[in-house]
Amino acid sequence: MDIEWDKVLPSVIGAITGGTMSLLGSYFSAKRQANKEEKRREYEERRAEKIALTSVKNEIEFNYIRYTDYIDVMDHTGLSELDLSHNKIGLVLKTDKWEKHSDTIENIEGLSYIGKLRGLYMNVHRDLTFNIVQMEDVKGTTNQAYEIRKEIEDTLKNYS
């Protein structure tokens, strides 16, 4: 049995060429798809970081306003502290956005103020736990909130 190479060889060459082209096409298509997926993942990650920072910034602004209200009340009444623990009236401060987004924010690379942010929320938790605010502490927490809010705003400018 003799093989007729002139009839078989073009088919073999065609199959090898077609297979190679198909392999290369699949490789470049998969690489392009992986790059698109990586860009999409990075976009979603930055978007989540921006949402987290914006939410926490808004919560800090809310608490800042409440703390300045407490300062005004203490100034007008001449008190050095407000003790709401016996009145069954709680302090109107929020921490839910920090609790929801703290993991995301703590994993943002290059945030120089993460320690200050944790400290601010430790102060807020202290006030909520004891239901007492003292003038000296409130002024410190208010200044801290103001500074951190500005730093978050600067960070958010880089996300635009």
N, C-alpha and C. Protein backbone atom coordinates (compact mmCIF):
# COMPACT_ATOMS: atom_id res chain seq x y z
N MET A 1 0.84 -1.15 0.00
CA MET A 1 0.00 0.00 0.00
C MET A 1 0.89 1.23 0.00
N ASP A 2 0.80 1.92 -1.04
CA ASP A 2 1.59 3.14 -1.19
C ASP A 2 0.76 4.35 -0.81
N ILE A 3 1.38 5.23 -0.05
CA ILE A 3 0.71 6.48 0.34
C ILE A 3 0.97 7.49 -0.75
N GLU A 4 -0.07 8.12 -1.18
CA GLU A 4 0.07 9.16 -2.20
C GLU A 4 0.28 10.49 -1.48
N TRP A 5 1.56 10.81 -1.30
CA TRP A 5 1.94 11.99 -0.53
C TRP A 5 1.42 13.28 -1.13
N ASP A 6 1.33 13.33 -2.40
CA ASP A 6 0.86 14.57 -3.03
C ASP A 6 -0.61 14.84 -2.70
N LYS A 7 -1.35 13.83 -2.29
CA LYS A 7 -2.75 14.03 -1.91
C LYS A 7 -2.91 14.17 -0.39
N VAL A 8 -2.07 13.53 0.39
CA VAL A 8 -2.19 13.52 1.85
C VAL A 8 -1.50 14.74 2.46
N LEU A 9 -0.35 15.12 1.92
CA LEU A 9 0.46 16.19 2.50
C LEU A 9 -0.29 17.52 2.60
N PRO A 10 -1.02 17.97 1.58
CA PRO A 10 -1.75 19.23 1.75
C PRO A 10 -2.78 19.17 2.89
N SER A 11 -3.41 18.03 3.08
CA SER A 11 -4.38 17.89 4.16
C SER A 11 -3.70 17.96 5.52
N VAL A 12 -2.55 17.29 5.64
CA VAL A 12 -1.80 17.30 6.90
C VAL A 12 -1.32 18.71 7.20
N ILE A 13 -0.76 19.39 6.20
CA ILE A 13 -0.28 20.77 6.38
C ILE A 13 -1.45 21.68 6.74
N GLY A 14 -2.57 21.51 6.10
CA GLY A 14 -3.77 22.31 6.40
C GLY A 14 -4.25 22.09 7.82
N ALA A 15 -4.24 20.83 8.26
CA ALA A 15 -4.69 20.53 9.62
C ALA A 15 -3.74 21.13 10.65
N ILE A 16 -2.44 21.03 10.41
CA ILE A 16 -1.46 21.60 11.34
C ILE A 16 -1.58 23.12 11.36
N THR A 17 -1.68 23.73 10.18
CA THR A 17 -1.82 25.19 10.10
C THR A 17 -3.11 25.65 10.77
N GLY A 18 -4.20 25.00 10.48
CA GLY A 18 -5.49 25.36 11.09
C GLY A 18 -5.48 25.20 12.60
N GLY A 19 -4.89 24.12 13.07
CA GLY A 19 -4.80 23.88 14.51
C GLY A 19 -3.95 24.93 15.20
N THR A 20 -2.84 25.29 14.54
CA THR A 20 -1.96 26.33 15.10
C THR A 20 -2.68 27.67 15.17
N MET A 21 -3.38 28.03 14.10
CA MET A 21 -4.11 29.30 14.06
C MET A 21 -5.21 29.30 15.12
N SER A 22 -5.88 28.19 15.26
CA SER A 22 -6.93 28.08 16.27
C SER A 22 -6.35 28.22 17.68
N LEU A 23 -5.22 27.58 17.92
CA LEU A 23 -4.55 27.65 19.21
C LEU A 23 -4.13 29.09 19.52
N LEU A 24 -3.50 29.75 18.54
CA LEU A 24 -3.08 31.14 18.74
C LEU A 24 -4.28 32.05 18.97
N GLY A 25 -5.32 31.84 18.21
CA GLY A 25 -6.54 32.65 18.39
C GLY A 25 -7.13 32.47 19.78
N SER A 26 -7.19 31.25 20.23
CA SER A 26 -7.72 30.97 21.57
C SER A 26 -6.83 31.58 22.65
N TYR A 27 -5.51 31.48 22.45
CA TYR A 27 -4.57 32.04 23.43
C TYR A 27 -4.75 33.55 23.56
N PHE A 28 -4.76 34.26 22.43
CA PHE A 28 -4.88 35.72 22.47
C PHE A 28 -6.26 36.15 22.94
N SER A 29 -7.27 35.40 22.61
CA SER A 29 -8.62 35.71 23.07
C SER A 29 -8.71 35.54 24.59
N ALA A 30 -8.14 34.47 25.10
CA ALA A 30 -8.15 34.24 26.55
C ALA A 30 -7.34 35.31 27.28
N LYS A 31 -6.20 35.69 26.69
CA LYS A 31 -5.37 36.73 27.30
C LYS A 31 -6.12 38.06 27.32
N ARG A 32 -6.77 38.41 26.24
CA ARG A 32 -7.54 39.65 26.15
C ARG A 32 -8.68 39.63 27.17
N GLN A 33 -9.36 38.50 27.27
CA GLN A 33 -10.46 38.36 28.23
C GLN A 33 -9.95 38.48 29.67
N ALA A 34 -8.79 37.89 29.95
CA ALA A 34 -8.21 37.99 31.30
C ALA A 34 -7.85 39.43 31.63
N ASN A 35 -7.31 40.16 30.65
CA ASN A 35 -6.97 41.57 30.87
C ASN A 35 -8.23 42.40 31.14
N LYS A 36 -9.28 42.13 30.37
CA LYS A 36 -10.54 42.85 30.59
C LYS A 36 -11.10 42.55 31.97
N GLU A 37 -11.03 41.30 32.37
CA GLU A 37 -11.54 40.89 33.68
C GLU A 37 -10.73 41.55 34.80
N GLU A 38 -9.42 41.63 34.63
CA GLU A 38 -8.56 42.28 35.63
C GLU A 38 -8.89 43.77 35.74
N LYS A 39 -9.08 44.44 34.62
CA LYS A 39 -9.46 45.86 34.64
C LYS A 39 -10.82 46.04 35.30
N ARG A 40 -11.75 45.16 35.01
CA ARG A 40 -13.08 45.24 35.61
C ARG A 40 -13.01 45.02 37.11
N ARG A 41 -12.19 44.07 37.53
CA ARG A 41 -12.02 43.81 38.96
C ARG A 41 -11.40 45.01 39.67
N GLU A 42 -10.38 45.61 39.05
CA GLU A 42 -9.76 46.81 39.63
C GLU A 42 -10.75 47.96 39.71
N TYR A 43 -11.57 48.11 38.66
CA TYR A 43 -12.59 49.16 38.66
C TYR A 43 -13.58 48.94 39.80
N GLU A 44 -14.04 47.71 39.95
CA GLU A 44 -15.01 47.40 41.01
C GLU A 44 -14.40 47.61 42.39
N GLU A 45 -13.13 47.27 42.53
CA GLU A 45 -12.45 47.45 43.82
C GLU A 45 -12.34 48.94 44.15
N ARG A 46 -11.93 49.74 43.18
CA ARG A 46 -11.83 51.20 43.40
C ARG A 46 -13.20 51.80 43.68
N ARG A 47 -14.21 51.30 42.99
CA ARG A 47 -15.57 51.79 43.20
C ARG A 47 -16.03 51.48 44.62
N ALA A 48 -15.74 50.27 45.10
CA ALA A 48 -16.10 49.88 46.47
C ALA A 48 -15.35 50.74 47.49
N GLU A 49 -14.08 51.03 47.21
CA GLU A 49 -13.31 51.88 48.10
C GLU A 49 -13.89 53.29 48.15
N LYS A 50 -14.28 53.81 46.99
CA LYS A 50 -14.86 55.15 46.93
C LYS A 50 -16.18 55.20 47.69
N ILE A 51 -17.01 54.19 47.51
CA ILE A 51 -18.29 54.12 48.23
C ILE A 51 -18.04 54.06 49.73
N ALA A 52 -17.08 53.24 50.15
CA ALA A 52 -16.77 53.11 51.58
C ALA A 52 -16.28 54.43 52.16
N LEU A 53 -15.35 55.08 51.46
CA LEU A 53 -14.82 56.36 51.95
C LEU A 53 -15.91 57.42 52.01
N THR A 54 -16.74 57.48 50.99
CA THR A 54 -17.82 58.47 50.96
C THR A 54 -18.81 58.23 52.09
N SER A 55 -19.18 56.98 52.31
CA SER A 55 -20.12 56.65 53.39
C SER A 55 -19.57 57.03 54.75
N VAL A 56 -18.31 56.68 55.00
CA VAL A 56 -17.70 56.99 56.30
C VAL A 56 -17.52 58.50 56.46
N LYS A 57 -17.15 59.18 55.38
CA LYS A 57 -17.01 60.65 55.45
C LYS A 57 -18.35 61.29 55.82
N ASN A 58 -19.42 60.83 55.21
CA ASN A 58 -20.75 61.37 55.53
C ASN A 58 -21.14 61.08 56.98
N GLU A 59 -20.78 59.91 57.46
CA GLU A 59 -21.07 59.57 58.85
C GLU A 59 -20.26 60.45 59.79
N ILE A 60 -19.00 60.71 59.45
CA ILE A 60 -18.17 61.59 60.27
C ILE A 60 -18.76 62.99 60.29
N GLU A 61 -19.25 63.47 59.14
CA GLU A 61 -19.89 64.79 59.10
C GLU A 61 -21.13 64.82 60.00
N PHE A 62 -21.92 63.76 59.97
CA PHE A 62 -23.10 63.67 60.84
C PHE A 62 -22.69 63.76 62.30
N ASN A 63 -21.69 62.96 62.69
CA ASN A 63 -21.23 62.96 64.08
C ASN A 63 -20.59 64.29 64.46
N TYR A 64 -19.89 64.91 63.52
CA TYR A 64 -19.27 66.22 63.76
C TYR A 64 -20.35 67.24 64.13
N ILE A 65 -21.44 67.24 63.39
CA ILE A 65 -22.54 68.17 63.67
C ILE A 65 -23.13 67.89 65.05
N ARG A 66 -23.30 66.61 65.39
CA ARG A 66 -23.85 66.27 66.71
C ARG A 66 -22.91 66.71 67.82
N TYR A 67 -21.62 66.48 67.63
CA TYR A 67 -20.66 66.89 68.65
C TYR A 67 -20.65 68.41 68.83
N THR A 68 -20.74 69.16 67.74
CA THR A 68 -20.80 70.63 67.89
C THR A 68 -22.09 71.04 68.59
N ASP A 69 -23.17 70.31 68.36
CA ASP A 69 -24.41 70.58 69.10
C ASP A 69 -24.21 70.34 70.60
N TYR A 70 -23.51 69.27 70.96
CA TYR A 70 -23.25 68.99 72.38
C TYR A 70 -22.39 70.10 72.99
N ILE A 71 -21.42 70.60 72.24
CA ILE A 71 -20.59 71.71 72.72
C ILE A 71 -21.47 72.93 72.97
N ASP A 72 -22.35 73.24 72.03
CA ASP A 72 -23.25 74.39 72.19
C ASP A 72 -24.12 74.25 73.44
N VAL A 73 -24.68 73.06 73.65
CA VAL A 73 -25.52 72.83 74.83
C VAL A 73 -24.72 73.03 76.10
N MET A 74 -23.51 72.47 76.14
CA MET A 74 -22.68 72.61 77.34
C MET A 74 -22.27 74.06 77.56
N ASP A 75 -21.97 74.78 76.48
CA ASP A 75 -21.63 76.21 76.60
C ASP A 75 -22.81 77.00 77.16
N HIS A 76 -24.00 76.76 76.64
CA HIS A 76 -25.18 77.52 77.05
C HIS A 76 -25.63 77.19 78.48
N THR A 77 -25.40 75.95 78.89
CA THR A 77 -25.84 75.55 80.24
C THR A 77 -24.73 75.67 81.27
N GLY A 78 -23.51 75.89 80.83
CA GLY A 78 -22.39 76.01 81.75
C GLY A 78 -21.90 74.68 82.30
N LEU A 79 -22.31 73.59 81.69
CA LEU A 79 -21.89 72.26 82.14
C LEU A 79 -20.57 71.87 81.49
N SER A 80 -19.80 71.06 82.21
CA SER A 80 -18.56 70.54 81.63
C SER A 80 -18.75 69.15 81.04
N GLU A 81 -19.93 68.57 81.32
CA GLU A 81 -20.26 67.27 80.73
C GLU A 81 -21.77 67.11 80.64
N LEU A 82 -22.16 66.29 79.67
CA LEU A 82 -23.56 65.91 79.53
C LEU A 82 -23.66 64.44 79.91
N ASP A 83 -24.44 64.15 80.91
CA ASP A 83 -24.63 62.77 81.36
C ASP A 83 -26.04 62.35 80.98
N LEU A 84 -26.14 61.56 79.94
CA LEU A 84 -27.44 61.09 79.47
C LEU A 84 -27.72 59.65 79.89
N SER A 85 -26.86 59.11 80.74
CA SER A 85 -27.00 57.70 81.11
C SER A 85 -28.21 57.45 82.01
N HIS A 86 -28.68 58.46 82.74
CA HIS A 86 -29.82 58.27 83.65
C HIS A 86 -31.14 58.69 83.03
N ASN A 87 -31.09 59.42 81.94
CA ASN A 87 -32.30 59.98 81.34
C ASN A 87 -32.94 59.06 80.31
N LYS A 88 -32.31 57.96 80.04
CA LYS A 88 -32.78 57.04 79.00
C LYS A 88 -32.84 57.72 77.63
N ILE A 89 -32.03 58.75 77.50
CA ILE A 89 -31.87 59.43 76.21
C ILE A 89 -30.46 59.09 75.74
N GLY A 90 -30.35 58.51 74.61
CA GLY A 90 -29.03 58.15 74.11
C GLY A 90 -28.39 59.27 73.31
N LEU A 91 -27.10 59.18 73.17
CA LEU A 91 -26.39 60.11 72.30
C LEU A 91 -26.76 59.79 70.86
N VAL A 92 -26.92 60.81 70.07
CA VAL A 92 -27.30 60.62 68.67
C VAL A 92 -26.02 60.63 67.83
N LEU A 93 -25.32 59.53 67.86
CA LEU A 93 -24.09 59.35 67.09
C LEU A 93 -24.22 58.06 66.29
N LYS A 94 -23.52 58.00 65.17
CA LYS A 94 -23.62 56.83 64.30
C LYS A 94 -22.27 56.17 64.11
N THR A 95 -22.29 54.85 64.00
CA THR A 95 -21.07 54.09 63.70
C THR A 95 -21.33 53.00 62.67
N ASP A 96 -22.55 52.89 62.17
CA ASP A 96 -22.90 51.76 61.30
C ASP A 96 -22.13 51.75 59.98
N LYS A 97 -21.83 52.91 59.41
CA LYS A 97 -21.08 52.93 58.14
C LYS A 97 -19.64 52.48 58.36
N TRP A 98 -19.05 52.89 59.48
CA TRP A 98 -17.70 52.45 59.79
C TRP A 98 -17.69 50.94 60.00
N GLU A 99 -18.66 50.43 60.73
CA GLU A 99 -18.72 48.99 60.97
C GLU A 99 -18.90 48.21 59.67
N LYS A 100 -19.65 48.77 58.75
CA LYS A 100 -19.90 48.11 57.46
C LYS A 100 -18.68 48.16 56.54
N HIS A 101 -17.99 49.30 56.51
CA HIS A 101 -16.95 49.52 55.51
C HIS A 101 -15.52 49.53 56.05
N SER A 102 -15.33 49.29 57.34
CA SER A 102 -13.98 49.41 57.90
C SER A 102 -12.99 48.43 57.26
N ASP A 103 -13.42 47.21 56.94
CA ASP A 103 -12.51 46.25 56.31
C ASP A 103 -12.01 46.77 54.96
N THR A 104 -12.91 47.33 54.18
CA THR A 104 -12.53 47.87 52.87
C THR A 104 -11.56 49.02 53.04
N ILE A 105 -11.87 49.94 53.94
CA ILE A 105 -11.03 51.12 54.13
C ILE A 105 -9.66 50.74 54.68
N GLU A 106 -9.62 49.81 55.61
CA GLU A 106 -8.35 49.41 56.20
C GLU A 106 -7.44 48.72 55.20
N ASN A 107 -7.98 48.23 54.09
CA ASN A 107 -7.17 47.57 53.07
C ASN A 107 -6.80 48.47 51.91
N ILE A 108 -7.15 49.75 51.99
CA ILE A 108 -6.73 50.69 50.95
C ILE A 108 -5.27 51.03 51.19
N GLU A 109 -4.47 50.83 50.16
CA GLU A 109 -3.03 51.09 50.28
C GLU A 109 -2.76 52.58 50.36
N GLY A 110 -1.84 52.95 51.22
CA GLY A 110 -1.36 54.32 51.27
C GLY A 110 -2.19 55.29 52.09
N LEU A 111 -3.15 54.81 52.86
CA LEU A 111 -3.92 55.72 53.72
C LEU A 111 -3.09 56.01 54.97
N SER A 112 -2.62 57.23 55.09
CA SER A 112 -1.76 57.59 56.21
C SER A 112 -2.55 57.87 57.48
N TYR A 113 -3.85 58.03 57.35
CA TYR A 113 -4.67 58.44 58.50
C TYR A 113 -5.55 57.32 59.04
N ILE A 114 -5.27 56.08 58.71
CA ILE A 114 -6.12 54.98 59.17
C ILE A 114 -6.10 54.86 60.69
N GLY A 115 -4.95 55.12 61.30
CA GLY A 115 -4.87 55.09 62.77
C GLY A 115 -5.72 56.17 63.41
N LYS A 116 -5.70 57.36 62.82
CA LYS A 116 -6.54 58.45 63.33
C LYS A 116 -8.02 58.10 63.19
N LEU A 117 -8.35 57.46 62.08
CA LEU A 117 -9.74 57.09 61.83
C LEU A 117 -10.22 56.06 62.86
N ARG A 118 -9.38 55.07 63.13
CA ARG A 118 -9.72 54.09 64.17
C ARG A 118 -9.89 54.78 65.53
N GLY A 119 -8.96 55.71 65.82
CA GLY A 119 -9.03 56.44 67.08
C GLY A 119 -10.30 57.25 67.22
N LEU A 120 -10.72 57.89 66.13
CA LEU A 120 -11.96 58.66 66.14
C LEU A 120 -13.14 57.76 66.50
N TYR A 121 -13.21 56.62 65.85
CA TYR A 121 -14.33 55.72 66.12
C TYR A 121 -14.24 55.07 67.50
N MET A 122 -13.03 54.92 68.03
CA MET A 122 -12.91 54.45 69.41
C MET A 122 -13.50 55.50 70.36
N ASN A 123 -13.25 56.78 70.07
CA ASN A 123 -13.83 57.85 70.90
C ASN A 123 -15.35 57.87 70.80
N VAL A 124 -15.87 57.69 69.59
CA VAL A 124 -17.33 57.67 69.41
C VAL A 124 -17.93 56.49 70.17
N HIS A 125 -17.30 55.32 70.06
CA HIS A 125 -17.79 54.14 70.79
C HIS A 125 -17.75 54.36 72.30
N ARG A 126 -16.69 55.01 72.78
CA ARG A 126 -16.60 55.32 74.21
C ARG A 126 -17.79 56.17 74.64
N ASP A 127 -18.06 57.22 73.88
CA ASP A 127 -19.17 58.11 74.23
C ASP A 127 -20.51 57.38 74.18
N LEU A 128 -20.68 56.53 73.19
CA LEU A 128 -21.94 55.77 73.09
C LEU A 128 -22.08 54.75 74.22
N THR A 129 -20.98 54.16 74.62
CA THR A 129 -21.01 53.16 75.68
C THR A 129 -21.39 53.77 77.03
N PHE A 130 -20.74 54.89 77.37
CA PHE A 130 -20.98 55.50 78.68
C PHE A 130 -22.14 56.49 78.67
N ASN A 131 -22.55 56.92 77.48
CA ASN A 131 -23.65 57.88 77.34
C ASN A 131 -23.36 59.19 78.08
N ILE A 132 -22.07 59.51 78.16
CA ILE A 132 -21.61 60.74 78.79
C ILE A 132 -20.60 61.39 77.85
N VAL A 133 -20.73 62.70 77.66
CA VAL A 133 -19.73 63.43 76.89
C VAL A 133 -19.20 64.57 77.75
N GLN A 134 -17.88 64.69 77.77
CA GLN A 134 -17.23 65.76 78.52
C GLN A 134 -16.71 66.79 77.54
N MET A 135 -16.77 68.05 77.94
CA MET A 135 -16.41 69.16 77.06
C MET A 135 -15.02 68.97 76.45
N GLU A 136 -14.05 68.64 77.27
CA GLU A 136 -12.68 68.49 76.79
C GLU A 136 -12.59 67.39 75.73
N ASP A 137 -13.22 66.25 76.00
CA ASP A 137 -13.20 65.13 75.06
C ASP A 137 -13.95 65.46 73.78
N VAL A 138 -15.08 66.13 73.92
CA VAL A 138 -15.90 66.47 72.75
C VAL A 138 -15.15 67.42 71.84
N LYS A 139 -14.46 68.39 72.42
CA LYS A 139 -13.69 69.33 71.59
C LYS A 139 -12.57 68.59 70.85
N GLY A 140 -11.90 67.67 71.53
CA GLY A 140 -10.85 66.88 70.89
C GLY A 140 -11.40 66.00 69.78
N THR A 141 -12.51 65.35 70.04
CA THR A 141 -13.13 64.48 69.04
C THR A 141 -13.62 65.29 67.85
N THR A 142 -14.16 66.48 68.12
CA THR A 142 -14.63 67.35 67.04
C THR A 142 -13.48 67.78 66.14
N ASN A 143 -12.37 68.17 66.74
CA ASN A 143 -11.18 68.54 65.94
C ASN A 143 -10.67 67.35 65.14
N GLN A 144 -10.65 66.21 65.78
CA GLN A 144 -10.21 64.97 65.11
C GLN A 144 -11.11 64.67 63.92
N ALA A 145 -12.41 64.77 64.11
CA ALA A 145 -13.37 64.49 63.03
C ALA A 145 -13.18 65.47 61.88
N TYR A 146 -12.96 66.73 62.19
CA TYR A 146 -12.77 67.75 61.16
C TYR A 146 -11.53 67.43 60.31
N GLU A 147 -10.43 67.10 60.97
CA GLU A 147 -9.18 66.80 60.25
C GLU A 147 -9.33 65.55 59.38
N ILE A 148 -9.92 64.51 59.93
CA ILE A 148 -10.06 63.25 59.18
C ILE A 148 -10.99 63.44 58.00
N ARG A 149 -12.05 64.19 58.20
CA ARG A 149 -12.98 64.46 57.10
C ARG A 149 -12.25 65.14 55.94
N LYS A 150 -11.38 66.09 56.25
CA LYS A 150 -10.60 66.77 55.20
C LYS A 150 -9.66 65.79 54.50
N GLU A 151 -9.04 64.91 55.26
CA GLU A 151 -8.13 63.93 54.66
C GLU A 151 -8.89 62.96 53.75
N ILE A 152 -10.07 62.55 54.16
CA ILE A 152 -10.88 61.66 53.31
C ILE A 152 -11.29 62.39 52.04
N GLU A 153 -11.67 63.66 52.15
CA GLU A 153 -12.03 64.44 50.96
C GLU A 153 -10.85 64.51 49.99
N ASP A 154 -9.64 64.72 50.51
CA ASP A 154 -8.45 64.74 49.65
C ASP A 154 -8.24 63.39 48.98
N THR A 155 -8.45 62.31 49.71
CA THR A 155 -8.31 60.97 49.14
C THR A 155 -9.34 60.75 48.04
N LEU A 156 -10.57 61.19 48.28
CA LEU A 156 -11.64 61.00 47.29
C LEU A 156 -11.37 61.77 46.00
N LYS A 157 -10.63 62.86 46.07
CA LYS A 157 -10.28 63.61 44.85
C LYS A 157 -9.45 62.74 43.91
N ASN A 158 -8.66 61.83 44.45
CA ASN A 158 -7.84 60.93 43.64
C ASN A 158 -8.65 59.82 42.99
N TYR A 159 -9.87 59.61 43.43
CA TYR A 159 -10.72 58.56 42.89
C TYR A 159 -11.57 59.04 41.73
N SER A 160 -11.52 60.30 41.42
CA SER A 160 -12.36 60.84 40.34
C SER A 160 -11.86 60.46 38.98
